[in-house]
Amino acid sequence: MFDMFIFRLASRNVQWLGESQSLVASNIANANTPGYRARQIAPFSMQDTGARFELAATNPQHISTSSVASAPFRTHETESPETTLSGNSVNLEQQMVELGNINRSHTMDVNIQRAFHQMLLASLK
């Protein structure tokens, strides 16, 4: 089957959501660790999604440009005004809200992928 931009973008978004969930889980796991600074991932719109024109590989010896989309996501420390006496900056309520946002985004992404897949199958009939 051929590679479509919408499916590559949706796949990259699912990877980004997985990385976001891992960071939130790490923040929650270290909520009582002294000196731990909460981390968050940069928004998906700020990531390099590989959404650019690519050269056609007409020969198997051509260099592949698909490795651009597998670059790691950028993360940074959370800017939180609340820090405990031990130096920990994890806000559990904020992390739980972030998990809800990740869940909602994942559900929407999967539904969009399903709709485009069904539309593609319907057009082939």
C-alpha atoms as a PDB file:
ATOM      1  CA  MET A   1       0.000   0.000   0.000  1.00  0.00           C
ATOM      2  CA  PHE A   2       1.165   3.547  -0.627  1.00  0.00           C
ATOM      3  CA  ASP A   3       2.293   5.980   2.050  1.00  0.00           C
ATOM      4  CA  MET A   4      -0.125   8.847   2.741  1.00  0.00           C
ATOM      5  CA  PHE A   5       0.801  12.044   4.555  1.00  0.00           C
ATOM      6  CA  ILE A   6      -2.268  11.977   6.827  1.00  0.00           C
ATOM      7  CA  PHE A   7      -1.378   8.523   8.136  1.00  0.00           C
ATOM      8  CA  ARG A   8       2.296   9.467   8.701  1.00  0.00           C
ATOM      9  CA  LEU A   9       1.235  12.592  10.573  1.00  0.00           C
ATOM     10  CA  ALA A  10      -1.280  10.677  12.690  1.00  0.00           C
ATOM     11  CA  SER A  11       1.320   8.011  13.462  1.00  0.00           C
ATOM     12  CA  ARG A  12       3.835  10.658  14.550  1.00  0.00           C
ATOM     13  CA  ASN A  13       1.157  12.265  16.734  1.00  0.00           C
ATOM     14  CA  VAL A  14       0.481   8.906  18.431  1.00  0.00           C
ATOM     15  CA  GLN A  15       4.231   8.579  19.112  1.00  0.00           C
ATOM     16  CA  TRP A  16       4.245  12.089  20.565  1.00  0.00           C
ATOM     17  CA  LEU A  17       1.257  11.250  22.787  1.00  0.00           C
ATOM     18  CA  GLY A  18       3.051   8.111  24.013  1.00  0.00           C
ATOM     19  CA  GLU A  19       6.144  10.133  24.883  1.00  0.00           C
ATOM     20  CA  SER A  20       3.935  12.713  26.641  1.00  0.00           C
ATOM     21  CA  GLN A  21       2.300   9.970  28.675  1.00  0.00           C
ATOM     22  CA  SER A  22       5.706   8.545  29.634  1.00  0.00           C
ATOM     23  CA  LEU A  23       6.890  11.943  30.857  1.00  0.00           C
ATOM     24  CA  VAL A  24       3.722  12.487  32.897  1.00  0.00           C
ATOM     25  CA  ALA A  25       4.080   8.993  34.395  1.00  0.00           C
ATOM     26  CA  SER A  26       7.696   9.755  35.286  1.00  0.00           C
ATOM     27  CA  ASN A  27       6.650  13.040  36.904  1.00  0.00           C
ATOM     28  CA  ILE A  28       3.967  11.282  38.965  1.00  0.00           C
ATOM     29  CA  ALA A  29       6.356   8.495  39.978  1.00  0.00           C
ATOM     30  CA  ASN A  30       8.851  11.082  41.227  1.00  0.00           C
ATOM     31  CA  ALA A  31       6.302  13.286  43.000  1.00  0.00           C
ATOM     32  CA  ASN A  32       8.013  12.676  46.359  1.00  0.00           C
ATOM     33  CA  THR A  33      11.623  12.643  45.148  1.00  0.00           C
ATOM     34  CA  PRO A  34      13.582  15.537  46.673  1.00  0.00           C
ATOM     35  CA  GLY A  35      14.968  17.939  44.083  1.00  0.00           C
ATOM     36  CA  TYR A  36      13.090  16.377  41.164  1.00  0.00           C
ATOM     37  CA  ARG A  37      12.124  18.914  38.504  1.00  0.00           C
ATOM     38  CA  ALA A  38       8.976  18.052  36.553  1.00  0.00           C
ATOM     39  CA  ARG A  39       9.486  17.722  32.792  1.00  0.00           C
ATOM     40  CA  GLN A  40       7.096  18.196  29.922  1.00  0.00           C
ATOM     41  CA  ILE A  41       7.247  17.680  26.191  1.00  0.00           C
ATOM     42  CA  ALA A  42       7.103  20.559  23.745  1.00  0.00           C
ATOM     43  CA  PRO A  43       3.729  20.892  21.947  1.00  0.00           C
ATOM     44  CA  PHE A  44       3.238  18.726  18.870  1.00  0.00           C
ATOM     45  CA  SER A  45       3.032  21.831  16.699  1.00  0.00           C
ATOM     46  CA  MET A  46       6.609  22.703  17.758  1.00  0.00           C
ATOM     47  CA  GLN A  47       7.996  19.275  16.839  1.00  0.00           C
ATOM     48  CA  ASP A  48       9.675  18.325  13.587  1.00  0.00           C
ATOM     49  CA  THR A  49       7.015  16.095  12.035  1.00  0.00           C
ATOM     50  CA  GLY A  50       8.908  15.482   8.819  1.00  0.00           C
ATOM     51  CA  ALA A  51       6.129  17.334   6.979  1.00  0.00           C
ATOM     52  CA  ARG A  52       8.144  18.516   4.030  1.00  0.00           C
ATOM     53  CA  PHE A  53       8.610  17.625   0.428  1.00  0.00           C
ATOM     54  CA  GLU A  54      10.784  14.592  -0.051  1.00  0.00           C
ATOM     55  CA  LEU A  55      12.809  13.484  -3.016  1.00  0.00           C
ATOM     56  CA  ALA A  56      11.525  10.493  -4.914  1.00  0.00           C
ATOM     57  CA  ALA A  57      13.664   7.390  -4.378  1.00  0.00           C
ATOM     58  CA  THR A  58      13.677   5.877  -7.850  1.00  0.00           C
ATOM     59  CA  ASN A  59      16.687   3.682  -7.136  1.00  0.00           C
ATOM     60  CA  PRO A  60      17.257   1.409  -4.091  1.00  0.00           C
ATOM     61  CA  GLN A  61      20.667   3.050  -3.626  1.00  0.00           C
ATOM     62  CA  HIS A  62      19.168   6.502  -3.028  1.00  0.00           C
ATOM     63  CA  ILE A  63      19.499   7.924   0.476  1.00  0.00           C
ATOM     64  CA  SER A  64      16.298   7.605   2.483  1.00  0.00           C
ATOM     65  CA  THR A  65      14.848  10.741   4.063  1.00  0.00           C
ATOM     66  CA  SER A  66      12.339   8.869   6.231  1.00  0.00           C
ATOM     67  CA  SER A  67      14.716   8.962   9.224  1.00  0.00           C
ATOM     68  CA  VAL A  68      13.817  12.633   9.794  1.00  0.00           C
ATOM     69  CA  ALA A  69      10.413  11.706  11.237  1.00  0.00           C
ATOM     70  CA  SER A  70      11.975   9.436  13.871  1.00  0.00           C
ATOM     71  CA  ALA A  71      13.913  12.256  15.545  1.00  0.00           C
ATOM     72  CA  PRO A  72      13.400  12.439  19.319  1.00  0.00           C
ATOM     73  CA  PHE A  73      10.852  14.835  20.738  1.00  0.00           C
ATOM     74  CA  ARG A  74      12.027  17.976  22.533  1.00  0.00           C
ATOM     75  CA  THR A  75      11.371  18.178  26.266  1.00  0.00           C
ATOM     76  CA  HIS A  76      11.991  20.830  28.894  1.00  0.00           C
ATOM     77  CA  GLU A  77      11.486  21.435  32.589  1.00  0.00           C
ATOM     78  CA  THR A  78       8.010  22.505  33.630  1.00  0.00           C
ATOM     79  CA  GLU A  79       7.811  26.139  34.621  1.00  0.00           C
ATOM     80  CA  SER A  80       6.047  25.726  37.938  1.00  0.00           C
ATOM     81  CA  PRO A  81       5.887  28.470  40.564  1.00  0.00           C
ATOM     82  CA  GLU A  82       5.039  25.837  43.161  1.00  0.00           C
ATOM     83  CA  THR A  83       8.076  24.069  44.570  1.00  0.00           C
ATOM     84  CA  THR A  84       8.079  22.088  47.793  1.00  0.00           C
ATOM     85  CA  LEU A  85      10.664  22.565  50.521  1.00  0.00           C
ATOM     86  CA  SER A  86      12.528  19.553  49.145  1.00  0.00           C
ATOM     87  CA  GLY A  87      12.857  21.271  45.744  1.00  0.00           C
ATOM     88  CA  ASN A  88      10.291  19.067  43.965  1.00  0.00           C
ATOM     89  CA  SER A  89       8.185  20.859  41.345  1.00  0.00           C
ATOM     90  CA  VAL A  90       5.604  18.149  40.514  1.00  0.00           C
ATOM     91  CA  ASN A  91       1.984  19.300  40.773  1.00  0.00           C
ATOM     92  CA  LEU A  92      -0.120  16.098  40.868  1.00  0.00           C
ATOM     93  CA  GLU A  93      -3.376  17.830  39.925  1.00  0.00           C
ATOM     94  CA  GLN A  94      -1.740  19.360  36.858  1.00  0.00           C
ATOM     95  CA  GLN A  95      -0.283  15.976  35.873  1.00  0.00           C
ATOM     96  CA  MET A  96      -3.693  14.289  36.148  1.00  0.00           C
ATOM     97  CA  VAL A  97      -5.268  16.981  33.941  1.00  0.00           C
ATOM     98  CA  GLU A  98      -2.466  16.417  31.425  1.00  0.00           C
ATOM     99  CA  LEU A  99      -3.199  12.658  31.410  1.00  0.00           C
ATOM    100  CA  GLY A 100      -6.846  13.417  30.621  1.00  0.00           C
ATOM    101  CA  ASN A 101      -5.786  15.672  27.746  1.00  0.00           C
ATOM    102  CA  ILE A 102      -3.487  12.967  26.382  1.00  0.00           C
ATOM    103  CA  ASN A 103      -6.288  10.394  26.549  1.00  0.00           C
ATOM    104  CA  ARG A 104      -8.724  12.704  24.771  1.00  0.00           C
ATOM    105  CA  SER A 105      -6.173  13.544  22.058  1.00  0.00           C
ATOM    106  CA  HIS A 106      -5.344   9.870  21.507  1.00  0.00           C
ATOM    107  CA  THR A 107      -9.020   8.980  21.115  1.00  0.00           C
ATOM    108  CA  MET A 108      -9.535  11.798  18.619  1.00  0.00           C
ATOM    109  CA  ASP A 109      -6.419  10.817  16.650  1.00  0.00           C
ATOM    110  CA  VAL A 110      -7.491   7.180  16.401  1.00  0.00           C
ATOM    111  CA  ASN A 111     -10.998   8.201  15.299  1.00  0.00           C
ATOM    112  CA  ILE A 112      -9.588  10.470  12.581  1.00  0.00           C
ATOM    113  CA  GLN A 113      -7.336   7.663  11.349  1.00  0.00           C
ATOM    114  CA  ARG A 114     -10.297   5.272  11.295  1.00  0.00           C
ATOM    115  CA  ALA A 115     -12.451   7.749   9.337  1.00  0.00           C
ATOM    116  CA  PHE A 116      -9.746   8.351   6.717  1.00  0.00           C
ATOM    117  CA  HIS A 117      -9.099   4.623   6.439  1.00  0.00           C
ATOM    118  CA  GLN A 118     -12.816   3.932   5.882  1.00  0.00           C
ATOM    119  CA  MET A 119     -13.009   6.756   3.340  1.00  0.00           C
ATOM    120  CA  LEU A 120     -10.001   5.340   1.488  1.00  0.00           C
ATOM    121  CA  LEU A 121     -11.517   1.843   1.440  1.00  0.00           C
ATOM    122  CA  ALA A 122     -14.850   3.213   0.239  1.00  0.00           C
ATOM    123  CA  SER A 123     -13.161   5.036  -2.622  1.00  0.00           C
ATOM    124  CA  LEU A 124     -11.446   1.826  -3.739  1.00  0.00           C
ATOM    125  CA  LYS A 125     -14.711  -0.136  -4.007  1.00  0.00           C
END
